[in-house]
C-alpha atoms as a PDB file:
ATOM      1  CA  MET A   1     108.673  77.153  87.382  1.00  0.00           C
ATOM      2  CA  ASN A   2     106.274  76.180  89.376  1.00  0.00           C
ATOM      3  CA  ILE A   3     104.783  78.817  91.524  1.00  0.00           C
ATOM      4  CA  ALA A   4     102.320  79.467  93.960  1.00  0.00           C
ATOM      5  CA  VAL A   5      99.734  82.446  93.716  1.00  0.00           C
ATOM      6  CA  TRP A   6      98.723  84.470  96.858  1.00  0.00           C
ATOM      7  CA  ASP A   7      95.229  86.322  95.733  1.00  0.00           C
ATOM      8  CA  THR A   8      95.452  89.913  97.909  1.00  0.00           C
ATOM      9  CA  TYR A   9      92.766  92.341  98.725  1.00  0.00           C
ATOM     10  CA  VAL A  10      93.994  95.354 100.446  1.00  0.00           C
ATOM     11  CA  LYS A  11      91.832  98.272 100.882  1.00  0.00           C
ATOM     12  CA  ARG A  12      92.938 101.890  99.608  1.00  0.00           C
ATOM     13  CA  ASP A  13      92.754 105.311 101.271  1.00  0.00           C
ATOM     14  CA  ASN A  14      89.732 106.273  99.264  1.00  0.00           C
ATOM     15  CA  ASP A  15      87.976 103.153 100.484  1.00  0.00           C
ATOM     16  CA  LYS A  16      88.769 101.340  96.764  1.00  0.00           C
ATOM     17  CA  THR A  17      90.142  97.626  97.094  1.00  0.00           C
ATOM     18  CA  MET A  18      93.358  96.421  95.309  1.00  0.00           C
ATOM     19  CA  HIS A  19      93.404  93.241  94.267  1.00  0.00           C
ATOM     20  CA  PHE A  20      96.981  91.871  92.945  1.00  0.00           C
ATOM     21  CA  ASP A  21      98.574  88.736  92.822  1.00  0.00           C
ATOM     22  CA  ILE A  22     101.839  87.746  94.626  1.00  0.00           C
ATOM     23  CA  LEU A  23     104.116  84.966  93.129  1.00  0.00           C
ATOM     24  CA  VAL A  24     106.167  83.137  94.676  1.00  0.00           C
ATOM     25  CA  PRO A  25     108.333  79.733  94.062  1.00  0.00           C
ATOM     26  CA  SER A  26     105.700  76.873  94.549  1.00  0.00           C
ATOM     27  CA  GLU A  27     108.272  75.218  97.212  1.00  0.00           C
ATOM     28  CA  MET A  28     108.046  78.849  99.688  1.00  0.00           C
ATOM     29  CA  LYS A  29     105.507  78.297 102.642  1.00  0.00           C
ATOM     30  CA  ASP A  30     106.639  81.124 104.553  1.00  0.00           C
ATOM     31  CA  GLU A  31     103.855  83.387 104.710  1.00  0.00           C
ATOM     32  CA  GLN A  32     105.335  86.140 106.764  1.00  0.00           C
ATOM     33  CA  THR A  33     108.069  86.262 103.960  1.00  0.00           C
ATOM     34  CA  ILE A  34     104.999  86.437 101.177  1.00  0.00           C
ATOM     35  CA  PHE A  35     103.335  89.069 102.980  1.00  0.00           C
ATOM     36  CA  ASP A  36     106.836  90.872 103.497  1.00  0.00           C
ATOM     37  CA  TYR A  37     106.856  90.900  99.929  1.00  0.00           C
ATOM     38  CA  GLY A  38     103.175  92.065  99.301  1.00  0.00           C
ATOM     39  CA  LYS A  39     104.379  95.068 102.023  1.00  0.00           C
ATOM     40  CA  GLN A  40     106.842  95.923  99.784  1.00  0.00           C
ATOM     41  CA  TYR A  41     105.274  95.820  96.805  1.00  0.00           C
ATOM     42  CA  LEU A  42     102.117  98.171  98.528  1.00  0.00           C
ATOM     43  CA  LYS A  43     105.185 100.545  99.693  1.00  0.00           C
ATOM     44  CA  SER A  44     105.670 101.013  96.259  1.00  0.00           C
ATOM     45  CA  LYS A  45     102.321 102.912  95.735  1.00  0.00           C
ATOM     46  CA  PRO A  46     101.806 106.676  95.819  1.00  0.00           C
ATOM     47  CA  PHE A  47      98.808 106.430  97.766  1.00  0.00           C
ATOM     48  CA  GLN A  48      97.749 104.730 101.362  1.00  0.00           C
ATOM     49  CA  THR A  49      96.484 101.315 101.742  1.00  0.00           C
ATOM     50  CA  GLY A  50      95.393  99.319 104.613  1.00  0.00           C
ATOM     51  CA  GLN A  51      97.133  96.711 106.743  1.00  0.00           C
ATOM     52  CA  LEU A  52      98.284  92.968 104.558  1.00  0.00           C
ATOM     53  CA  THR A  53      97.459  90.012 106.794  1.00  0.00           C
ATOM     54  CA  THR A  54      95.905  86.533 106.748  1.00  0.00           C
ATOM     55  CA  ASN A  55      92.627  88.158 106.277  1.00  0.00           C
ATOM     56  CA  GLU A  56      93.586  89.918 103.423  1.00  0.00           C
ATOM     57  CA  CYS A  57      96.321  87.558 101.510  1.00  0.00           C
ATOM     58  CA  ARG A  58      95.337  83.740 101.003  1.00  0.00           C
ATOM     59  CA  PHE A  59      97.274  80.617  99.019  1.00  0.00           C
ATOM     60  CA  CYS A  60      94.975  80.123  95.658  1.00  0.00           C
ATOM     61  CA  HIS A  61      96.963  77.850  93.111  1.00  0.00           C
ATOM     62  CA  ILE A  62      99.834  76.632  91.509  1.00  0.00           C
ATOM     63  CA  GLU A  63     100.584  77.394  88.203  1.00  0.00           C
ATOM     64  CA  GLN A  64     103.515  77.240  85.427  1.00  0.00           C
ATOM     65  CA  ALA A  65     105.121  80.554  85.237  1.00  0.00           C
ATOM     66  CA  ASN A  66     106.169  82.225  81.976  1.00  0.00           C
ATOM     67  CA  LYS A  67     109.537  83.187  81.218  1.00  0.00           C
ATOM     68  CA  GLU A  68     108.964  86.928  82.098  1.00  0.00           C
ATOM     69  CA  ILE A  69     107.848  86.143  85.804  1.00  0.00           C
ATOM     70  CA  ILE A  70     110.512  83.430  86.131  1.00  0.00           C
ATOM     71  CA  GLU A  71     113.049  86.084  85.770  1.00  0.00           C
ATOM     72  CA  THR A  72     111.320  88.627  88.096  1.00  0.00           C
ATOM     73  CA  ILE A  73     110.960  85.926  90.543  1.00  0.00           C
ATOM     74  CA  THR A  74     114.698  84.982  90.275  1.00  0.00           C
ATOM     75  CA  LYS A  75     116.327  88.512  90.429  1.00  0.00           C
ATOM     76  CA  ASN A  76     113.365  89.712  93.288  1.00  0.00           C
ATOM     77  CA  GLY A  77     112.556  86.744  94.903  1.00  0.00           C
ATOM     78  CA  TYR A  78     108.412  87.468  94.197  1.00  0.00           C
ATOM     79  CA  SER A  79     106.488  88.836  91.354  1.00  0.00           C
ATOM     80  CA  ILE A  80     103.278  91.087  91.626  1.00  0.00           C
ATOM     81  CA  ILE A  81     100.422  90.858  89.247  1.00  0.00           C
ATOM     82  CA  GLU A  82      98.259  93.898  89.302  1.00  0.00           C
ATOM     83  CA  MET A  83      94.347  93.020  88.847  1.00  0.00           C
ATOM     84  CA  GLU A  84      92.056  96.027  90.148  1.00  0.00           C
ATOM     85  CA  ASN A  85      92.832  99.506  91.671  1.00  0.00           C
ATOM     86  CA  CYS A  86      96.420  99.325  91.839  1.00  0.00           C
ATOM     87  CA  ASN A  87      96.990 102.648  90.357  1.00  0.00           C
END
């Protein structure tokens, strides 16, 4: 499965910047749905964050997904890779 990687940076309430990737099937083009996935992820955090808009989330590239990511996307519609300041 080819996936689209959306590079995302969102401010936390402590002024740190979260960096995470939203992974979706490569044929998904609806930006609002992708942003909604990111917002769902942010709601799962125990701290407050800033908004997620086109300024914070941008398409980066297409790549081949591994088995674990394919399973998560099949189950949830998306997957998240946490990079910095996500916990």
